[in-house]
Amino acid sequence: MGPGITDEDRAALLEIIAKGSYFGVNLASSDLDATFADLEAKGAEVVQEPVDQPYGLRDCAFRDPAGNLIRIQQAG
């Protein structure tokens, strides 16, 4: 971690990261619905089913086993 971060700050950040509350991943798919169906069938924790967003993407979201948010998108 960067300079100027105290040991207390470092411990707090590491605790937040370990909970999965700080980190997120954005991925892309050429066939979002098929990707969603595959992950759901494998038991992935669904946060958001595929939806068309007003800004032109279609996306969905899952949580990984550590609790991190993973968004998958497909350009409209």
N, C-alpha and C. Protein backbone atom coordinates (compact mmCIF):
# COMPACT_ATOMS: atom_id res chain seq x y z
N MET A 1 0.84 -1.17 0.00
CA MET A 1 0.00 0.00 0.00
C MET A 1 0.88 1.23 0.00
N GLY A 2 0.32 2.35 -0.31
CA GLY A 2 1.08 3.56 -0.53
C GLY A 2 1.67 4.18 0.71
N PRO A 3 2.56 5.13 0.49
CA PRO A 3 3.17 5.83 1.62
C PRO A 3 2.12 6.66 2.36
N GLY A 4 2.34 6.85 3.64
CA GLY A 4 1.43 7.66 4.44
C GLY A 4 0.26 6.88 5.01
N ILE A 5 0.17 5.60 4.71
CA ILE A 5 -0.90 4.77 5.26
C ILE A 5 -0.38 4.15 6.55
N THR A 6 -1.10 4.39 7.61
CA THR A 6 -0.69 3.87 8.91
C THR A 6 -0.98 2.37 9.00
N ASP A 7 -0.40 1.74 10.00
CA ASP A 7 -0.67 0.31 10.21
C ASP A 7 -2.15 0.09 10.48
N GLU A 8 -2.78 1.03 11.19
CA GLU A 8 -4.22 0.93 11.48
C GLU A 8 -5.03 1.03 10.19
N ASP A 9 -4.67 1.98 9.32
CA ASP A 9 -5.36 2.12 8.02
C ASP A 9 -5.17 0.86 7.18
N ARG A 10 -3.96 0.35 7.16
CA ARG A 10 -3.64 -0.86 6.39
C ARG A 10 -4.49 -2.03 6.88
N ALA A 11 -4.60 -2.21 8.19
CA ALA A 11 -5.39 -3.31 8.75
C ALA A 11 -6.86 -3.15 8.38
N ALA A 12 -7.38 -1.91 8.44
CA ALA A 12 -8.78 -1.67 8.10
C ALA A 12 -9.04 -1.98 6.63
N LEU A 13 -8.14 -1.55 5.75
CA LEU A 13 -8.30 -1.83 4.32
C LEU A 13 -8.24 -3.32 4.02
N LEU A 14 -7.30 -4.01 4.63
CA LEU A 14 -7.19 -5.45 4.40
C LEU A 14 -8.43 -6.19 4.89
N GLU A 15 -9.02 -5.72 5.98
CA GLU A 15 -10.26 -6.34 6.48
C GLU A 15 -11.41 -6.13 5.50
N ILE A 16 -11.52 -4.93 4.94
CA ILE A 16 -12.57 -4.64 3.96
C ILE A 16 -12.37 -5.48 2.70
N ILE A 17 -11.14 -5.58 2.24
CA ILE A 17 -10.84 -6.38 1.05
C ILE A 17 -11.16 -7.85 1.31
N ALA A 18 -10.80 -8.36 2.48
CA ALA A 18 -11.06 -9.77 2.81
C ALA A 18 -12.55 -10.09 2.83
N LYS A 19 -13.38 -9.11 3.16
CA LYS A 19 -14.83 -9.30 3.17
C LYS A 19 -15.42 -9.26 1.77
N GLY A 20 -14.62 -8.83 0.80
CA GLY A 20 -15.14 -8.71 -0.56
C GLY A 20 -15.90 -7.43 -0.79
N SER A 21 -15.73 -6.45 0.09
CA SER A 21 -16.50 -5.21 0.01
C SER A 21 -15.78 -4.10 -0.76
N TYR A 22 -14.56 -4.31 -1.14
CA TYR A 22 -13.77 -3.24 -1.74
C TYR A 22 -13.47 -3.47 -3.21
N PHE A 23 -13.46 -4.70 -3.63
CA PHE A 23 -12.96 -5.06 -4.94
C PHE A 23 -14.10 -5.46 -5.86
N GLY A 24 -13.99 -5.15 -7.12
CA GLY A 24 -14.97 -5.58 -8.10
C GLY A 24 -14.28 -5.83 -9.43
N VAL A 25 -14.90 -6.65 -10.25
CA VAL A 25 -14.33 -6.98 -11.55
C VAL A 25 -15.39 -6.76 -12.61
N ASN A 26 -15.00 -6.20 -13.73
CA ASN A 26 -15.88 -6.07 -14.90
C ASN A 26 -15.31 -6.92 -16.02
N LEU A 27 -16.14 -7.81 -16.54
CA LEU A 27 -15.74 -8.68 -17.65
C LEU A 27 -16.68 -8.44 -18.82
N ALA A 28 -16.30 -8.93 -20.00
CA ALA A 28 -17.13 -8.79 -21.19
C ALA A 28 -17.42 -10.16 -21.78
N SER A 29 -18.58 -10.27 -22.41
CA SER A 29 -18.98 -11.50 -23.07
C SER A 29 -19.63 -11.16 -24.40
N SER A 30 -19.41 -11.99 -25.39
CA SER A 30 -20.06 -11.75 -26.69
C SER A 30 -21.49 -12.31 -26.69
N ASP A 31 -21.81 -13.16 -25.70
CA ASP A 31 -23.16 -13.72 -25.56
C ASP A 31 -23.50 -13.75 -24.07
N LEU A 32 -23.95 -12.63 -23.57
CA LEU A 32 -24.20 -12.47 -22.14
C LEU A 32 -25.22 -13.47 -21.61
N ASP A 33 -26.30 -13.68 -22.34
CA ASP A 33 -27.34 -14.58 -21.85
C ASP A 33 -26.82 -16.01 -21.70
N ALA A 34 -26.01 -16.47 -22.64
CA ALA A 34 -25.44 -17.81 -22.55
C ALA A 34 -24.44 -17.89 -21.39
N THR A 35 -23.64 -16.86 -21.21
CA THR A 35 -22.68 -16.83 -20.11
C THR A 35 -23.42 -16.85 -18.78
N PHE A 36 -24.46 -16.03 -18.68
CA PHE A 36 -25.26 -15.99 -17.45
C PHE A 36 -25.86 -17.37 -17.15
N ALA A 37 -26.48 -17.98 -18.14
CA ALA A 37 -27.11 -19.29 -17.96
C ALA A 37 -26.10 -20.33 -17.50
N ASP A 38 -24.91 -20.30 -18.09
CA ASP A 38 -23.86 -21.25 -17.73
C ASP A 38 -23.42 -21.07 -16.29
N LEU A 39 -23.16 -19.83 -15.88
CA LEU A 39 -22.72 -19.57 -14.50
C LEU A 39 -23.81 -19.87 -13.49
N GLU A 40 -25.04 -19.51 -13.82
CA GLU A 40 -26.16 -19.79 -12.92
C GLU A 40 -26.33 -21.31 -12.74
N ALA A 41 -26.23 -22.06 -13.83
CA ALA A 41 -26.36 -23.52 -13.77
C ALA A 41 -25.26 -24.16 -12.93
N LYS A 42 -24.11 -23.50 -12.87
CA LYS A 42 -23.00 -24.02 -12.08
C LYS A 42 -23.08 -23.60 -10.61
N GLY A 43 -24.14 -22.85 -10.26
CA GLY A 43 -24.36 -22.48 -8.86
C GLY A 43 -23.78 -21.16 -8.42
N ALA A 44 -23.37 -20.33 -9.37
CA ALA A 44 -22.83 -19.01 -9.01
C ALA A 44 -23.92 -18.18 -8.33
N GLU A 45 -23.53 -17.35 -7.36
CA GLU A 45 -24.48 -16.49 -6.65
C GLU A 45 -24.88 -15.31 -7.54
N VAL A 46 -26.12 -15.29 -7.96
CA VAL A 46 -26.63 -14.22 -8.84
C VAL A 46 -26.95 -12.99 -8.01
N VAL A 47 -26.43 -11.85 -8.44
CA VAL A 47 -26.76 -10.56 -7.82
C VAL A 47 -27.75 -9.81 -8.70
N GLN A 48 -27.57 -9.90 -10.02
CA GLN A 48 -28.45 -9.22 -10.96
C GLN A 48 -28.54 -10.05 -12.24
N GLU A 49 -29.75 -10.36 -12.65
CA GLU A 49 -29.95 -11.06 -13.92
C GLU A 49 -29.65 -10.10 -15.07
N PRO A 50 -29.44 -10.61 -16.29
CA PRO A 50 -29.14 -9.73 -17.42
C PRO A 50 -30.23 -8.68 -17.63
N VAL A 51 -29.78 -7.46 -17.84
CA VAL A 51 -30.69 -6.34 -18.04
C VAL A 51 -30.06 -5.35 -19.01
N ASP A 52 -30.89 -4.72 -19.84
CA ASP A 52 -30.41 -3.67 -20.74
C ASP A 52 -30.30 -2.37 -19.95
N GLN A 53 -29.10 -1.81 -19.94
CA GLN A 53 -28.86 -0.56 -19.22
C GLN A 53 -29.12 0.63 -20.14
N PRO A 54 -29.54 1.76 -19.60
CA PRO A 54 -29.83 2.94 -20.42
C PRO A 54 -28.60 3.52 -21.12
N TYR A 55 -27.40 3.15 -20.68
CA TYR A 55 -26.17 3.67 -21.28
C TYR A 55 -25.63 2.76 -22.37
N GLY A 56 -26.45 1.79 -22.82
CA GLY A 56 -26.09 1.03 -24.02
C GLY A 56 -25.51 -0.35 -23.81
N LEU A 57 -25.29 -0.77 -22.59
CA LEU A 57 -24.77 -2.11 -22.33
C LEU A 57 -25.87 -3.00 -21.78
N ARG A 58 -25.70 -4.28 -21.97
CA ARG A 58 -26.53 -5.28 -21.29
C ARG A 58 -25.58 -5.94 -20.31
N ASP A 59 -25.99 -6.06 -19.04
CA ASP A 59 -25.08 -6.64 -18.06
C ASP A 59 -25.81 -7.45 -17.00
N CYS A 60 -25.01 -8.19 -16.24
CA CYS A 60 -25.50 -8.98 -15.12
C CYS A 60 -24.40 -8.95 -14.06
N ALA A 61 -24.71 -9.50 -12.88
CA ALA A 61 -23.71 -9.48 -11.81
C ALA A 61 -23.81 -10.74 -10.96
N PHE A 62 -22.66 -11.17 -10.48
CA PHE A 62 -22.52 -12.33 -9.59
C PHE A 62 -21.61 -11.94 -8.44
N ARG A 63 -21.58 -12.78 -7.40
CA ARG A 63 -20.57 -12.67 -6.34
C ARG A 63 -19.70 -13.92 -6.40
N ASP A 64 -18.41 -13.71 -6.24
CA ASP A 64 -17.51 -14.86 -6.18
C ASP A 64 -17.53 -15.42 -4.75
N PRO A 65 -16.88 -16.56 -4.51
CA PRO A 65 -16.91 -17.16 -3.17
C PRO A 65 -16.37 -16.26 -2.06
N ALA A 66 -15.52 -15.28 -2.40
CA ALA A 66 -14.99 -14.36 -1.40
C ALA A 66 -15.91 -13.15 -1.20
N GLY A 67 -16.99 -13.09 -1.97
CA GLY A 67 -17.93 -11.98 -1.83
C GLY A 67 -17.69 -10.82 -2.76
N ASN A 68 -16.70 -10.92 -3.65
CA ASN A 68 -16.42 -9.84 -4.60
C ASN A 68 -17.49 -9.78 -5.67
N LEU A 69 -17.86 -8.58 -6.06
CA LEU A 69 -18.83 -8.37 -7.12
C LEU A 69 -18.16 -8.52 -8.48
N ILE A 70 -18.77 -9.34 -9.33
CA ILE A 70 -18.28 -9.53 -10.69
C ILE A 70 -19.41 -9.17 -11.65
N ARG A 71 -19.19 -8.15 -12.47
CA ARG A 71 -20.16 -7.72 -13.45
C ARG A 71 -19.69 -8.22 -14.82
N ILE A 72 -20.63 -8.70 -15.61
CA ILE A 72 -20.33 -9.15 -16.96
C ILE A 72 -21.20 -8.36 -17.90
N GLN A 73 -20.61 -7.82 -18.94
CA GLN A 73 -21.34 -6.94 -19.84
C GLN A 73 -21.17 -7.33 -21.30
N GLN A 74 -22.14 -6.92 -22.08
CA GLN A 74 -22.12 -7.11 -23.53
C GLN A 74 -22.56 -5.80 -24.15
N ALA A 75 -21.79 -5.32 -25.10
CA ALA A 75 -22.15 -4.07 -25.78
C ALA A 75 -23.44 -4.27 -26.55
N GLY A 76 -24.27 -3.22 -26.55
CA GLY A 76 -25.58 -3.29 -27.23
C GLY A 76 -25.48 -3.13 -28.71
